[in-house]
Amino acid sequence: MVKRLGIAWRLWCLRPWWRKALNVATVIFALAGAAIIGAWGLYQLGVTNNSGAVDKNYRSLLEVSEIEDLNHAQLSNNELDAEWALQYGRVAALARFYPVNARLILTAAQNSDDPMVVDRMLAAARIYIDDPKGVDRLGQRISQLISEVPQQQNGNVIPWMQGVEWPALKQAILRDSALIREAGRLSGVEPRLIVGCLVGEQIRLFNSKREMFKKYLGPVKVLSVQSQFSYGVNGIKDFTAKAVEDHLKDPTSEYYMGPAYEHLLDFETDDHVTERYNRLVDYRNHLYSYLYTGCILHQTMLQWRRAGYDISDRPDVLFTLFNVGFSQSVPKANPVPGGSHIKVGDATYTFGALGFDFYYSGELADVFPFQRERFAKNQRPLTAEDVKRIQDNMSDCNRPERGLEYRRDSVSTTPQEKPDPFGVNHDQVKPIEHTAQ
């Protein structure tokens, strides 16, 4: 045998290289063909079929699926609220052991109309808990405490949100949500802060000219745009807007936001007065109103921070300073919120209080979420294309003629007779404590 192999090897060595290569290729193809045919045969015989197996937790999986939902149950609002209270108690118990899963379940529950979904999620998580009885005992204690307090059926805890104004205003704000978020991104400000200023100004307008705004805000659910003395949906005065623009360009200013923002409000024409007016008094696109608002908030925050006082976590103070203007923004310890007095129903609030109430109410948090950082620290400089894109947001709507409010033959009063069409002297407002008066 060994001799035969030796002879075969010598004959192989005597062959030319091309014949050797042909022999090797033939062997490789033969082996590949055999492997393919063998695999096909095994497949046909069913050797490769996976018959599957019954999950060891199949009973638990079945129990989760069989938990009854309440989508079609005839429950009163009182009963439904009571059920939700119990479910939140169970989630709180889970949070003491598995906070990650509790947070996920709570987030999912907020997007569901069925409290039994929480039961199913808790039951599904329970499958993997080593000591489920410990979680159950805590959940039962919490549920017992909750059950001892009768379920109340009160309205919104914030009184001014119980009226007809807020539901209509909320819908109007949602229409502008994309513009507000974009303005927040461009100005480096949490969009929810911009909305807080918008809420204060629109509620003030609605209640100052109630009959007029009932015709528009209520039925049509659109924001009111001011065109006299103060401009736009946020009531920004001309000299305030000009100050904002100057602060953006002045590196020596205490309000300077940095080089990344210098071209944020660049003009297209040399007539800045008219173009500024057209930007703010735009009935179709309110981006510039929100951009100026964001800049005012950002610049005021920087002014105070450079003076040694950080008010970035004081939305009530930021709203107040937005309302009273740069002239009354004097950095100091222990600032007091306040601003213009605004009567809603039978109660009187301040501008800062209205914004504060909205900010921490949780309203519209799915669209304008709370951000860990309310003000951006860095942002890339705007390119010429970015600036042009912002400028293109101005619409071609018909705007009131600028200066109409100063004509004695117009329906408006002159500045000497009445500085503010709503009777508020913004230059002499004294902050008060954050409470309804």
Protein backbone atom coordinates (compact mmCIF):
# COMPACT_ATOMS: atom_id res chain seq x y z
CA MET A 1 0.00 0.00 0.00
CA VAL A 2 2.81 2.31 0.92
CA LYS A 3 4.63 1.35 -2.27
CA ARG A 4 1.56 2.17 -4.38
CA LEU A 5 1.22 5.54 -2.73
CA GLY A 6 4.85 6.30 -3.40
CA ILE A 7 4.45 5.41 -7.08
CA ALA A 8 1.31 7.58 -7.33
CA TRP A 9 3.12 10.52 -5.74
CA ARG A 10 6.04 10.24 -8.20
CA LEU A 11 3.64 10.12 -11.13
CA TRP A 12 1.82 13.21 -9.70
CA CYS A 13 5.08 15.10 -9.45
CA LEU A 14 5.94 14.28 -13.09
CA ARG A 15 2.68 15.82 -14.36
CA PRO A 16 2.74 19.39 -15.79
CA TRP A 17 1.44 22.23 -13.55
CA TRP A 18 -1.70 22.82 -15.55
CA ARG A 19 -2.76 19.20 -15.18
CA LYS A 20 -2.15 19.36 -11.44
CA ALA A 21 -4.36 22.46 -11.17
CA LEU A 22 -7.09 20.74 -13.18
CA ASN A 23 -6.98 17.70 -10.89
CA VAL A 24 -7.24 19.85 -7.75
CA ALA A 25 -10.19 21.82 -9.17
CA THR A 26 -11.95 18.57 -10.11
CA VAL A 27 -11.61 17.22 -6.57
CA ILE A 28 -12.88 20.49 -5.02
CA PHE A 29 -15.95 20.58 -7.26
CA ALA A 30 -16.66 16.93 -6.52
CA LEU A 31 -16.57 17.54 -2.76
CA ALA A 32 -18.78 20.64 -3.06
CA GLY A 33 -21.32 18.72 -5.12
CA ALA A 34 -21.38 15.91 -2.62
CA ALA A 35 -21.95 18.38 0.25
CA ILE A 36 -24.85 20.07 -1.56
CA ILE A 37 -26.51 16.76 -2.42
CA GLY A 38 -26.04 15.58 1.15
CA ALA A 39 -27.60 18.71 2.62
CA TRP A 40 -30.56 18.43 0.23
CA GLY A 41 -31.07 14.85 1.26
CA LEU A 42 -31.05 15.71 4.96
CA TYR A 43 -33.59 18.51 4.32
CA GLN A 44 -35.90 16.16 2.43
CA LEU A 45 -35.72 13.63 5.20
CA GLY A 46 -36.74 16.30 7.73
CA VAL A 47 -33.59 15.97 9.76
CA THR A 48 -33.14 19.77 9.93
CA ASN A 49 -36.71 20.53 11.01
CA ASN A 50 -37.08 22.26 14.45
CA SER A 51 -40.23 20.95 16.02
CA GLY A 52 -40.16 23.75 18.65
CA ALA A 53 -40.84 23.47 22.34
CA VAL A 54 -43.34 24.66 24.88
CA ASP A 55 -42.08 27.67 26.85
CA LYS A 56 -41.54 26.86 30.50
CA ASN A 57 -43.50 30.01 31.45
CA TYR A 58 -46.41 29.28 29.14
CA ARG A 59 -48.97 29.41 31.96
CA SER A 60 -47.72 32.86 33.03
CA LEU A 61 -47.81 34.10 29.45
CA LEU A 62 -51.38 32.87 29.12
CA GLU A 63 -52.41 34.57 32.36
CA VAL A 64 -51.03 37.91 31.14
CA SER A 65 -53.03 37.64 27.92
CA GLU A 66 -56.21 36.72 29.81
CA ILE A 67 -56.19 39.82 32.04
CA GLU A 68 -59.40 41.63 31.16
CA ASP A 69 -59.10 45.03 29.58
CA LEU A 70 -61.41 47.96 30.24
CA ASN A 71 -61.71 49.29 26.72
CA HIS A 72 -65.37 48.37 26.55
CA ALA A 73 -66.24 48.46 30.25
CA GLN A 74 -68.92 50.91 31.35
CA LEU A 75 -66.94 52.74 34.04
CA SER A 76 -67.63 56.22 35.29
CA ASN A 77 -64.85 58.78 35.31
CA ASN A 78 -64.69 58.42 39.07
CA GLU A 79 -64.23 54.64 38.85
CA LEU A 80 -61.67 54.97 36.08
CA ASP A 81 -59.63 57.50 38.05
CA ALA A 82 -59.73 55.22 41.09
CA GLU A 83 -58.43 52.33 39.01
CA TRP A 84 -55.59 54.45 37.66
CA ALA A 85 -54.65 55.47 41.21
CA LEU A 86 -54.32 51.80 42.19
CA GLN A 87 -52.24 51.04 39.12
CA TYR A 88 -49.83 53.88 39.85
CA GLY A 89 -49.49 52.48 43.37
CA ARG A 90 -48.46 49.09 41.95
CA VAL A 91 -45.93 50.75 39.67
CA ALA A 92 -44.54 52.65 42.66
CA ALA A 93 -44.03 49.32 44.46
CA LEU A 94 -42.15 47.88 41.50
CA ALA A 95 -39.98 51.00 41.38
CA ARG A 96 -38.51 50.16 44.79
CA PHE A 97 -37.09 46.94 43.30
CA TYR A 98 -36.76 47.52 39.54
CA PRO A 99 -36.83 51.29 38.84
CA VAL A 100 -35.91 50.90 35.16
CA ASN A 101 -38.90 48.69 34.41
CA ALA A 102 -41.21 50.83 36.54
CA ARG A 103 -40.22 53.93 34.58
CA LEU A 104 -40.84 52.15 31.27
CA ILE A 105 -44.26 50.90 32.43
CA LEU A 106 -45.23 54.36 33.69
CA THR A 107 -44.25 55.95 30.38
CA ALA A 108 -46.26 53.37 28.45
CA ALA A 109 -49.24 53.82 30.77
CA GLN A 110 -49.32 57.55 30.06
CA ASN A 111 -49.92 56.75 26.39
CA SER A 112 -52.74 54.29 27.07
CA ASP A 113 -56.44 54.74 27.73
CA ASP A 114 -56.71 51.40 29.52
CA PRO A 115 -55.38 51.05 33.10
CA MET A 116 -55.47 47.26 32.71
CA VAL A 117 -52.50 47.60 30.38
CA VAL A 118 -50.49 48.36 33.52
CA ASP A 119 -51.72 45.10 35.08
CA ARG A 120 -50.54 43.19 32.04
CA MET A 121 -47.13 44.86 31.99
CA LEU A 122 -46.67 44.27 35.72
CA ALA A 123 -47.70 40.62 35.33
CA ALA A 124 -45.26 40.20 32.45
CA ALA A 125 -42.42 41.67 34.52
CA ARG A 126 -43.40 39.48 37.47
CA ILE A 127 -42.40 36.37 35.52
CA TYR A 128 -38.72 37.24 35.96
CA ILE A 129 -38.81 38.58 39.53
CA ASP A 130 -37.04 36.25 41.98
CA ASP A 131 -39.15 37.35 44.96
CA PRO A 132 -42.48 38.56 43.49
CA LYS A 133 -44.19 38.29 46.88
CA GLY A 134 -42.06 41.13 48.24
CA VAL A 135 -43.23 43.41 45.43
CA ASP A 136 -46.81 42.21 45.90
CA ARG A 137 -46.80 42.96 49.64
CA LEU A 138 -45.55 46.50 49.08
CA GLY A 139 -48.04 47.02 46.28
CA GLN A 140 -50.90 45.85 48.50
CA ARG A 141 -49.84 48.25 51.28
CA ILE A 142 -49.75 51.18 48.85
CA SER A 143 -53.08 50.18 47.32
CA GLN A 144 -54.62 49.93 50.77
CA LEU A 145 -53.49 53.45 51.65
CA ILE A 146 -54.87 54.80 48.37
CA SER A 147 -58.19 53.01 48.86
CA GLU A 148 -58.66 54.64 52.26
CA VAL A 149 -58.98 58.07 50.59
CA PRO A 150 -62.20 58.49 48.58
CA GLN A 151 -61.63 59.27 44.95
CA GLN A 152 -62.37 62.94 44.27
CA GLN A 153 -63.61 64.23 40.95
CA ASN A 154 -62.14 67.71 40.86
CA GLY A 155 -61.14 69.69 37.81
CA ASN A 156 -57.68 70.98 37.02
CA VAL A 157 -55.94 72.03 40.22
CA ILE A 158 -54.85 75.26 38.49
CA PRO A 159 -57.96 77.50 38.56
CA TRP A 160 -57.34 79.50 35.38
CA MET A 161 -56.95 76.28 33.37
CA GLN A 162 -60.55 75.35 34.22
CA GLY A 163 -62.01 78.11 32.04
CA VAL A 164 -62.75 78.13 28.33
CA GLU A 165 -59.57 80.03 27.50
CA TRP A 166 -57.01 77.32 28.14
CA PRO A 167 -58.50 74.47 26.02
CA ALA A 168 -58.79 76.83 23.05
CA LEU A 169 -55.32 78.30 23.59
CA LYS A 170 -53.81 74.83 23.90
CA GLN A 171 -55.07 73.88 20.46
CA ALA A 172 -53.72 77.12 19.00
CA ILE A 173 -50.30 76.45 20.56
CA LEU A 174 -50.22 72.94 19.13
CA ARG A 175 -50.63 74.38 15.65
CA ASP A 176 -47.39 76.29 16.16
CA SER A 177 -45.50 73.48 17.89
CA ALA A 178 -43.05 72.89 15.03
CA LEU A 179 -42.19 76.61 14.83
CA ILE A 180 -41.75 76.86 18.61
CA ARG A 181 -39.43 73.86 18.72
CA GLU A 182 -37.41 75.26 15.82
CA ALA A 183 -37.13 78.64 17.53
CA GLY A 184 -35.96 76.90 20.69
CA ARG A 185 -33.29 75.01 18.79
CA LEU A 186 -32.05 78.11 16.97
CA SER A 187 -32.00 80.36 20.04
CA GLY A 188 -30.62 77.70 22.38
CA VAL A 189 -33.64 77.81 24.70
CA GLU A 190 -35.91 75.07 25.96
CA PRO A 191 -39.10 75.40 23.84
CA ARG A 192 -41.26 74.99 26.95
CA LEU A 193 -39.90 78.30 28.25
CA ILE A 194 -40.96 80.03 25.04
CA VAL A 195 -44.45 78.55 25.43
CA GLY A 196 -44.59 79.87 29.01
CA CYS A 197 -44.15 83.42 27.71
CA LEU A 198 -46.73 82.79 24.99
CA VAL A 199 -49.29 81.50 27.50
CA GLY A 200 -48.92 84.56 29.73
CA GLU A 201 -49.29 87.01 26.84
CA GLN A 202 -52.23 85.26 25.15
CA ILE A 203 -54.17 84.84 28.40
CA ARG A 204 -53.55 88.53 29.11
CA LEU A 205 -54.90 89.49 25.69
CA PHE A 206 -57.91 87.21 25.93
CA ASN A 207 -58.99 88.66 29.25
CA SER A 208 -58.17 92.27 28.38
CA LYS A 209 -60.32 92.26 25.25
CA ARG A 210 -62.54 89.34 26.10
CA GLU A 211 -65.38 89.90 23.66
CA MET A 212 -63.05 90.55 20.73
CA PHE A 213 -60.88 87.51 21.32
CA LYS A 214 -63.82 85.22 21.98
CA LYS A 215 -64.61 85.59 18.29
CA TYR A 216 -61.17 84.33 17.26
CA LEU A 217 -59.35 82.34 19.92
CA GLY A 218 -62.39 80.34 21.00
CA PRO A 219 -64.09 79.27 17.76
CA VAL A 220 -61.09 79.34 15.40
CA LYS A 221 -58.40 78.44 17.98
CA VAL A 222 -55.74 80.75 16.58
CA LEU A 223 -53.24 82.92 18.38
CA SER A 224 -53.83 86.65 18.57
CA VAL A 225 -51.24 88.82 16.83
CA GLN A 226 -50.69 92.32 18.20
CA SER A 227 -49.84 95.18 15.85
CA GLN A 228 -50.06 98.25 18.11
CA PHE A 229 -47.41 99.29 20.64
CA SER A 230 -46.42 95.64 21.15
CA TYR A 231 -46.01 93.26 18.24
CA GLY A 232 -46.68 89.64 17.45
CA VAL A 233 -48.13 86.77 19.44
CA ASN A 234 -45.81 87.50 22.36
CA GLY A 235 -46.29 91.28 22.49
CA ILE A 236 -42.67 92.33 21.85
CA LYS A 237 -42.07 96.07 21.68
CA ASP A 238 -40.08 97.58 18.82
CA PHE A 239 -37.31 98.93 21.05
CA THR A 240 -37.01 95.57 22.83
CA ALA A 241 -36.64 93.74 19.52
CA LYS A 242 -33.96 96.21 18.42
CA ALA A 243 -32.10 95.71 21.70
CA VAL A 244 -32.16 91.95 21.14
CA GLU A 245 -30.59 92.43 17.70
CA ASP A 246 -27.90 94.74 19.08
CA HIS A 247 -27.03 92.31 21.89
CA LEU A 248 -26.47 89.54 19.33
CA LYS A 249 -23.79 91.60 17.57
CA ASP A 250 -21.98 93.10 20.57
CA PRO A 251 -19.35 90.82 22.16
CA THR A 252 -18.87 93.35 24.98
CA SER A 253 -22.54 93.23 26.01
CA GLU A 254 -23.57 91.46 29.19
CA TYR A 255 -26.36 89.95 27.08
CA TYR A 256 -24.05 88.57 24.34
CA MET A 257 -25.01 85.00 23.42
CA GLY A 258 -21.83 84.12 21.55
CA PRO A 259 -20.58 84.04 17.94
CA ALA A 260 -22.82 81.09 17.07
CA TYR A 261 -25.88 83.35 17.36
CA GLU A 262 -24.62 86.60 15.82
CA HIS A 263 -26.46 86.16 12.51
CA LEU A 264 -29.66 84.67 13.91
CA LEU A 265 -31.73 87.82 13.24
CA ASP A 266 -29.89 89.24 10.21
CA PHE A 267 -32.00 91.45 7.95
CA GLU A 268 -32.58 91.08 4.23
CA THR A 269 -33.04 94.81 3.55
CA ASP A 270 -31.61 98.10 4.80
CA ASP A 271 -35.02 99.16 6.14
CA HIS A 272 -34.71 97.40 9.49
CA VAL A 273 -37.67 99.23 11.06
CA THR A 274 -40.15 98.02 8.46
CA GLU A 275 -38.64 94.57 8.17
CA ARG A 276 -38.67 94.13 11.96
CA TYR A 277 -42.33 95.13 12.06
CA ASN A 278 -43.18 92.73 9.23
CA ARG A 279 -41.37 89.92 11.00
CA LEU A 280 -43.32 90.25 14.19
CA VAL A 281 -46.73 91.24 12.80
CA ASP A 282 -46.99 88.10 10.67
CA TYR A 283 -50.39 86.44 10.89
CA ARG A 284 -49.39 83.26 9.10
CA ASN A 285 -45.93 82.45 10.41
CA HIS A 286 -44.91 83.27 13.98
CA LEU A 287 -41.34 81.96 13.87
CA TYR A 288 -39.77 85.38 14.37
CA SER A 289 -41.99 86.10 17.38
CA TYR A 290 -40.68 82.92 18.97
CA LEU A 291 -37.09 83.63 17.93
CA TYR A 292 -37.12 87.06 19.59
CA THR A 293 -38.74 85.51 22.67
CA GLY A 294 -36.06 82.83 22.88
CA CYS A 295 -33.31 85.42 22.53
CA ILE A 296 -34.81 87.62 25.27
CA LEU A 297 -34.89 84.65 27.64
CA HIS A 298 -31.37 83.55 26.72
CA GLN A 299 -29.87 87.03 26.93
CA THR A 300 -31.52 87.79 30.27
CA MET A 301 -30.30 84.51 31.73
CA LEU A 302 -26.73 85.30 30.60
CA GLN A 303 -26.92 88.80 32.07
CA TRP A 304 -27.78 87.39 35.49
CA ARG A 305 -25.29 84.52 35.26
CA ARG A 306 -22.44 86.92 34.45
CA ALA A 307 -23.45 88.97 37.47
CA GLY A 308 -23.15 85.88 39.67
CA TYR A 309 -26.80 84.81 39.82
CA ASP A 310 -28.01 81.73 38.00
CA ILE A 311 -31.73 81.94 37.20
CA SER A 312 -31.73 79.21 34.57
CA ASP A 313 -33.73 77.05 36.99
CA ARG A 314 -36.20 79.83 37.82
CA PRO A 315 -38.77 79.88 35.00
CA ASP A 316 -41.03 82.14 37.11
CA VAL A 317 -38.30 84.80 37.25
CA LEU A 318 -37.47 84.40 33.55
CA PHE A 319 -41.12 84.90 32.60
CA THR A 320 -41.33 87.97 34.83
CA LEU A 321 -38.22 89.54 33.30
CA PHE A 322 -39.52 88.82 29.80
CA ASN A 323 -42.69 90.70 30.73
CA VAL A 324 -41.10 93.76 32.38
CA GLY A 325 -38.27 94.15 29.85
CA PHE A 326 -34.51 94.66 29.84
CA SER A 327 -34.77 97.99 31.65
CA GLN A 328 -36.02 96.29 34.81
CA SER A 329 -33.72 93.29 34.60
CA VAL A 330 -31.37 94.07 37.48
CA PRO A 331 -29.42 91.02 38.71
CA LYS A 332 -29.70 90.51 42.46
CA ALA A 333 -30.02 87.83 45.09
CA ASN A 334 -33.45 86.38 45.84
CA PRO A 335 -35.39 87.73 42.82
CA VAL A 336 -39.16 87.92 43.24
CA PRO A 337 -41.48 86.80 40.40
CA GLY A 338 -44.38 88.96 39.30
CA GLY A 339 -45.08 91.20 36.32
CA SER A 340 -48.30 92.54 34.86
CA HIS A 341 -51.50 91.88 36.80
CA ILE A 342 -53.87 89.69 34.78
CA LYS A 343 -57.40 88.90 35.90
CA VAL A 344 -58.77 85.51 34.92
CA GLY A 345 -62.27 84.88 36.16
CA ASP A 346 -62.48 86.02 39.76
CA ALA A 347 -58.75 85.73 40.48
CA THR A 348 -55.83 87.98 39.65
CA TYR A 349 -52.49 86.54 38.66
CA THR A 350 -49.18 87.95 37.54
CA PHE A 351 -47.57 87.29 34.20
CA GLY A 352 -44.79 85.32 35.88
CA ALA A 353 -47.32 83.21 37.78
CA LEU A 354 -49.25 82.25 34.65
CA GLY A 355 -46.08 81.14 32.89
CA PHE A 356 -44.94 79.28 36.00
CA ASP A 357 -48.29 77.51 36.32
CA PHE A 358 -48.12 76.29 32.75
CA TYR A 359 -44.46 75.31 32.93
CA TYR A 360 -44.91 72.92 35.86
CA SER A 361 -48.46 71.81 35.06
CA GLY A 362 -47.36 68.99 32.79
CA GLU A 363 -49.68 70.31 30.07
CA LEU A 364 -48.32 69.65 26.55
CA ALA A 365 -45.28 67.87 28.01
CA ASP A 366 -45.48 65.28 25.23
CA VAL A 367 -44.92 68.05 22.66
CA PHE A 368 -42.73 70.38 24.75
CA PRO A 369 -40.89 68.09 27.18
CA PHE A 370 -38.81 69.23 30.13
CA GLN A 371 -35.14 69.29 29.16
CA ARG A 372 -32.19 68.58 31.41
CA GLU A 373 -30.49 71.75 30.14
CA ARG A 374 -32.83 74.70 29.60
CA PHE A 375 -30.20 76.70 27.74
CA ALA A 376 -27.73 75.43 25.15
CA LYS A 377 -24.08 75.94 25.99
CA ASN A 378 -22.70 75.60 22.46
CA GLN A 379 -24.09 75.64 18.96
CA ARG A 380 -22.44 75.64 15.57
CA PRO A 381 -22.38 79.01 13.79
CA LEU A 382 -25.18 79.62 11.33
CA THR A 383 -24.25 79.34 7.68
CA ALA A 384 -25.53 81.71 5.01
CA GLU A 385 -27.95 78.96 3.97
CA ASP A 386 -29.24 78.70 7.55
CA VAL A 387 -29.85 82.45 7.73
CA LYS A 388 -31.64 82.43 4.38
CA ARG A 389 -33.86 79.55 5.50
CA ILE A 390 -34.89 81.50 8.60
CA GLN A 391 -35.60 84.63 6.56
CA ASP A 392 -37.75 82.64 4.14
CA ASN A 393 -40.25 82.02 6.94
CA MET A 394 -41.76 85.48 6.52
CA SER A 395 -45.10 85.17 4.80
CA ASP A 396 -46.71 87.57 2.32
CA CYS A 397 -49.83 88.16 4.41
CA ASN A 398 -51.41 91.61 4.58
CA ARG A 399 -50.19 93.43 7.67
CA PRO A 400 -51.64 96.58 9.24
CA GLU A 401 -49.90 99.74 8.19
CA ARG A 402 -47.11 100.50 10.62
CA GLY A 403 -47.75 103.59 12.75
CA LEU A 404 -51.53 103.36 12.54
CA GLU A 405 -51.75 103.43 16.32
CA TYR A 406 -50.22 106.93 16.41
CA ARG A 407 -52.87 108.55 14.20
CA ARG A 408 -55.45 110.59 16.08
CA ASP A 409 -58.16 109.72 13.57
CA SER A 410 -57.66 105.97 14.09
CA VAL A 411 -59.64 103.86 16.50
CA SER A 412 -56.58 103.56 18.73
CA THR A 413 -55.67 106.13 21.35
CA THR A 414 -52.45 108.08 21.19
CA PRO A 415 -49.43 107.08 23.27
CA GLN A 416 -49.85 110.19 25.41
CA GLU A 417 -53.45 109.34 26.30
CA LYS A 418 -52.98 105.63 26.87
CA PRO A 419 -49.47 104.10 26.63
CA ASP A 420 -50.80 100.54 26.50
CA PRO A 421 -54.06 99.53 24.78
CA PHE A 422 -54.82 97.25 27.72
CA GLY A 423 -54.10 99.80 30.44
CA VAL A 424 -50.87 98.22 31.70
CA ASN A 425 -47.84 100.41 32.37
CA HIS A 426 -45.02 97.93 31.84
CA ASP A 427 -42.34 100.40 32.93
CA GLN A 428 -43.74 100.74 36.45
CA VAL A 429 -44.75 97.18 37.27
CA LYS A 430 -43.69 96.03 40.74
CA PRO A 431 -43.19 92.27 41.19
CA ILE A 432 -45.44 90.54 43.72
CA GLU A 433 -45.40 87.12 45.24
CA HIS A 434 -46.51 84.15 43.14
CA THR A 435 -50.08 83.73 44.36
CA ALA A 436 -53.50 84.51 43.00
CA GLN A 437 -54.67 87.74 44.60
